[in-house]
N, C-alpha and C. Protein backbone atom coordinates (compact mmCIF):
# COMPACT_ATOMS: atom_id res chain seq x y z
N MET A 1 87.95 152.94 83.00
CA MET A 1 87.44 151.91 82.33
C MET A 1 88.25 150.47 82.95
N GLN A 2 87.51 149.69 82.68
CA GLN A 2 88.18 148.49 82.98
C GLN A 2 88.79 147.61 81.93
N LEU A 3 90.07 147.38 82.09
CA LEU A 3 90.83 146.95 81.02
C LEU A 3 90.64 145.43 80.91
N PRO A 4 90.59 144.78 79.68
CA PRO A 4 90.23 143.49 79.60
C PRO A 4 91.38 142.64 80.05
N ASP A 5 91.00 141.38 80.32
CA ASP A 5 92.04 140.30 80.71
C ASP A 5 92.74 139.56 79.69
N SER A 6 92.36 139.71 78.73
CA SER A 6 92.72 138.72 77.76
C SER A 6 93.27 139.64 76.57
N LEU A 7 94.17 138.99 75.74
CA LEU A 7 95.00 139.68 74.56
C LEU A 7 93.85 139.78 73.56
N GLU A 8 93.11 138.62 73.35
CA GLU A 8 92.11 138.63 72.25
C GLU A 8 91.16 139.77 72.49
N LYS A 9 90.54 140.06 73.72
CA LYS A 9 89.63 141.11 73.93
C LYS A 9 90.15 142.57 73.72
N THR A 10 91.58 142.48 73.99
CA THR A 10 92.31 143.82 73.93
C THR A 10 92.34 144.40 72.51
N ASN A 11 92.90 143.11 71.64
CA ASN A 11 93.10 143.24 70.21
C ASN A 11 91.79 143.55 69.45
N ASP A 12 90.58 143.10 70.13
CA ASP A 12 89.33 143.48 69.41
C ASP A 12 88.87 144.73 69.77
N LEU A 13 89.19 145.30 70.97
CA LEU A 13 88.80 146.70 71.51
C LEU A 13 89.68 147.62 70.36
N ILE A 14 90.94 147.47 70.17
CA ILE A 14 91.85 148.36 69.63
C ILE A 14 91.33 148.27 68.12
N ALA A 15 91.12 147.23 67.53
CA ALA A 15 90.52 147.27 66.16
C ALA A 15 89.14 147.84 66.03
N ALA A 16 88.44 147.88 67.10
CA ALA A 16 86.94 148.43 67.01
C ALA A 16 87.11 149.88 67.15
N ASN A 17 87.98 150.49 67.77
CA ASN A 17 88.35 151.86 68.03
C ASN A 17 89.01 152.35 66.92
N LEU A 18 89.99 151.69 66.16
CA LEU A 18 90.28 151.99 64.94
C LEU A 18 89.53 152.47 63.96
N GLU A 19 88.40 151.42 63.83
CA GLU A 19 87.37 151.44 62.89
C GLU A 19 86.46 152.57 63.12
N GLU A 20 86.18 153.01 64.38
CA GLU A 20 85.47 154.24 64.72
C GLU A 20 86.16 155.36 64.33
N ALA A 21 87.61 155.42 64.67
CA ALA A 21 88.39 156.61 64.26
C ALA A 21 88.21 156.83 62.80
N LYS A 22 88.37 155.75 62.06
CA LYS A 22 88.18 156.09 60.66
C LYS A 22 86.94 156.48 60.03
N ARG A 23 85.91 156.20 60.71
CA ARG A 23 84.46 156.71 60.45
C ARG A 23 84.44 158.05 60.69
N ILE A 24 84.92 158.48 61.95
CA ILE A 24 84.91 159.80 62.35
C ILE A 24 85.72 160.89 61.55
N GLN A 25 86.89 160.21 61.11
CA GLN A 25 87.98 160.89 60.19
C GLN A 25 87.23 161.22 58.77
N ALA A 26 86.58 160.23 58.38
CA ALA A 26 85.72 160.40 57.15
C ALA A 26 84.66 161.42 57.17
N LYS A 27 84.04 161.52 58.21
CA LYS A 27 83.02 162.50 58.50
C LYS A 27 83.79 163.88 58.34
N LEU A 28 84.71 164.04 59.21
CA LEU A 28 85.45 165.27 59.21
C LEU A 28 86.25 165.69 58.06
N ASP A 29 86.52 164.58 57.17
CA ASP A 29 87.16 164.95 55.85
C ASP A 29 86.04 165.12 54.92
N SER A 30 84.81 165.01 54.99
CA SER A 30 83.81 165.07 54.07
C SER A 30 83.45 166.48 53.67
N GLY A 31 83.78 167.34 54.50
CA GLY A 31 83.71 168.84 54.07
C GLY A 31 82.11 169.22 54.39
N THR A 32 81.15 168.58 55.00
CA THR A 32 79.86 168.77 55.18
C THR A 32 79.64 169.24 56.43
N ILE A 33 80.43 169.16 57.38
CA ILE A 33 80.46 169.75 58.86
C ILE A 33 81.10 171.00 58.83
N ASN A 34 80.42 172.04 59.16
CA ASN A 34 80.89 173.26 59.37
C ASN A 34 82.11 173.48 60.28
N PRO A 35 83.26 174.00 59.84
CA PRO A 35 84.39 173.72 60.68
C PRO A 35 84.31 174.67 62.05
N TRP A 36 83.34 175.40 62.23
CA TRP A 36 83.23 176.10 63.51
C TRP A 36 82.06 175.73 64.16
N SER A 37 81.38 174.48 63.94
CA SER A 37 80.01 173.97 64.44
C SER A 37 80.55 173.12 65.69
N ARG A 38 79.75 173.02 66.63
CA ARG A 38 79.76 172.21 67.92
C ARG A 38 79.78 170.75 67.55
N LYS A 39 79.14 170.33 66.33
CA LYS A 39 79.28 168.92 66.14
C LYS A 39 80.79 168.72 65.79
N ARG A 40 81.51 169.27 64.93
CA ARG A 40 82.75 169.20 64.53
C ARG A 40 83.86 169.03 65.81
N ALA A 41 83.42 170.02 66.75
CA ALA A 41 84.45 169.95 67.96
C ALA A 41 84.20 168.79 68.84
N ARG A 42 82.79 168.25 68.72
CA ARG A 42 82.51 166.96 69.54
C ARG A 42 83.33 165.79 68.95
N LEU A 43 83.12 165.80 67.54
CA LEU A 43 83.81 164.68 66.83
C LEU A 43 85.43 164.84 67.08
N GLU A 44 86.00 165.99 67.04
CA GLU A 44 87.39 166.10 67.36
C GLU A 44 87.69 165.65 68.67
N GLU A 45 86.94 166.04 69.59
CA GLU A 45 87.12 165.50 70.92
C GLU A 45 87.09 163.99 71.05
N ARG A 46 86.07 163.53 70.41
CA ARG A 46 86.05 161.98 70.30
C ARG A 46 87.13 161.43 69.77
N MET A 47 87.69 162.05 68.66
CA MET A 47 88.90 161.24 68.07
C MET A 47 90.09 161.40 69.09
N ALA A 48 90.22 162.48 69.80
CA ALA A 48 91.31 162.69 70.76
C ALA A 48 91.20 161.53 72.05
N ARG A 49 89.95 161.52 72.35
CA ARG A 49 89.60 160.30 73.30
C ARG A 49 90.01 158.95 72.83
N LEU A 50 89.55 158.73 71.61
CA LEU A 50 89.89 157.44 70.84
C LEU A 50 91.35 157.12 70.88
N PHE A 51 92.04 158.18 70.56
CA PHE A 51 93.63 158.20 70.35
C PHE A 51 94.27 157.93 71.80
N GLU A 52 93.75 158.54 72.79
CA GLU A 52 94.21 158.26 74.16
C GLU A 52 93.80 156.89 74.67
N LEU A 53 92.66 156.34 74.35
CA LEU A 53 92.45 155.21 74.66
C LEU A 53 93.07 154.06 74.17
N ASN A 54 93.33 154.28 72.65
CA ASN A 54 94.04 153.23 72.11
C ASN A 54 95.53 153.26 72.35
N GLN A 55 96.12 154.33 72.99
CA GLN A 55 97.32 154.28 73.60
C GLN A 55 97.46 153.50 74.70
N ALA A 56 96.42 153.55 75.58
CA ALA A 56 96.31 152.85 76.78
C ALA A 56 96.17 151.58 76.58
N LEU A 57 95.16 151.18 75.61
CA LEU A 57 94.96 149.57 75.28
C LEU A 57 96.39 149.13 74.79
N THR A 58 97.07 149.85 74.03
CA THR A 58 98.37 149.38 73.44
C THR A 58 99.34 148.93 74.51
N ASN A 59 99.52 149.88 75.55
CA ASN A 59 100.40 149.49 76.65
C ASN A 59 99.93 148.38 77.52
N HIS A 60 98.65 148.26 77.58
CA HIS A 60 98.07 147.13 78.18
C HIS A 60 98.39 145.87 77.47
N GLN A 61 98.24 145.93 76.22
CA GLN A 61 98.61 144.79 75.25
C GLN A 61 99.84 144.31 75.48
N MET A 62 100.82 145.27 75.56
CA MET A 62 102.09 144.88 75.75
C MET A 62 102.44 144.26 77.18
N ASP A 63 101.61 144.74 78.07
CA ASP A 63 101.85 144.27 79.53
C ASP A 63 101.35 142.69 79.52
N LEU A 64 100.12 142.65 78.78
CA LEU A 64 99.66 141.26 78.86
C LEU A 64 100.63 140.31 78.10
N VAL A 65 101.21 140.75 77.18
CA VAL A 65 102.36 140.13 76.23
C VAL A 65 103.39 139.75 77.17
N ARG A 66 104.04 140.70 77.86
CA ARG A 66 105.11 140.48 78.90
C ARG A 66 104.71 139.52 80.14
N TRP A 67 103.52 139.68 80.69
CA TRP A 67 103.11 138.89 81.76
C TRP A 67 102.97 137.53 81.30
N ASN A 68 102.25 137.31 80.29
CA ASN A 68 101.93 135.84 79.86
C ASN A 68 102.99 135.31 78.87
N ARG A 69 104.04 135.97 78.46
CA ARG A 69 105.14 135.45 77.79
C ARG A 69 104.53 134.96 76.24
N ILE A 70 103.56 135.75 75.89
CA ILE A 70 102.80 135.26 74.63
C ILE A 70 103.81 136.07 73.43
N PRO A 71 104.15 135.13 72.55
CA PRO A 71 104.79 135.58 71.44
C PRO A 71 103.93 136.90 70.72
N PHE A 72 104.38 137.89 70.35
CA PHE A 72 103.91 138.98 69.99
C PHE A 72 104.25 139.23 68.44
N SER A 73 103.41 139.46 67.60
CA SER A 73 103.90 140.10 66.25
C SER A 73 103.02 141.43 66.10
N PRO A 74 103.41 142.52 66.23
CA PRO A 74 102.53 143.83 65.83
C PRO A 74 101.96 143.87 64.76
N PRO A 75 100.77 144.49 64.60
CA PRO A 75 100.01 144.41 63.36
C PRO A 75 100.58 145.41 62.31
N GLU A 76 100.48 145.31 61.01
CA GLU A 76 101.18 146.34 60.12
C GLU A 76 101.10 147.78 60.65
N PRO A 77 102.15 148.58 60.53
CA PRO A 77 102.08 149.96 60.88
C PRO A 77 101.09 150.68 59.82
N HIS A 78 100.35 151.58 60.61
CA HIS A 78 99.56 152.39 60.04
C HIS A 78 99.27 153.78 60.57
N PRO A 79 99.08 154.83 59.99
CA PRO A 79 99.00 156.22 60.68
C PRO A 79 97.58 156.26 61.33
N VAL A 80 97.56 156.62 62.57
CA VAL A 80 96.20 157.02 63.03
C VAL A 80 95.92 158.64 62.99
N PRO A 81 94.88 158.85 62.35
CA PRO A 81 94.69 160.27 62.23
C PRO A 81 94.14 160.98 63.36
N VAL A 82 94.82 162.20 63.66
CA VAL A 82 94.53 162.99 64.90
C VAL A 82 94.28 164.23 64.40
N SER A 83 93.13 164.88 64.53
CA SER A 83 92.86 166.22 64.02
C SER A 83 93.34 167.26 65.04
N THR A 84 93.70 168.38 64.47
CA THR A 84 94.31 169.49 65.46
C THR A 84 93.30 170.46 65.47
N ALA A 85 93.48 171.33 66.42
CA ALA A 85 92.84 172.43 66.75
C ALA A 85 93.07 173.57 65.45
N HIS A 86 92.14 174.18 64.98
CA HIS A 86 92.32 175.14 64.02
C HIS A 86 92.21 176.50 64.51
């Protein structure tokens, strides 16, 4: 994946990924998906990929801040849901 060159685009990507993670987590928590189904496994895999991507984007965000000497104030802390294998 090509990382964005601007801090604003990076922040937008992080926010979009967090929104998608919330939607996926809501589906997983709804109880309507069979715990042993392939659909649930795919959603859990997608959550894991989103988590890894957000880690990379956050590291890139900090690099951009360091390179550009942009004042940085982190967003409010909030837990990122990560499902575990059952």
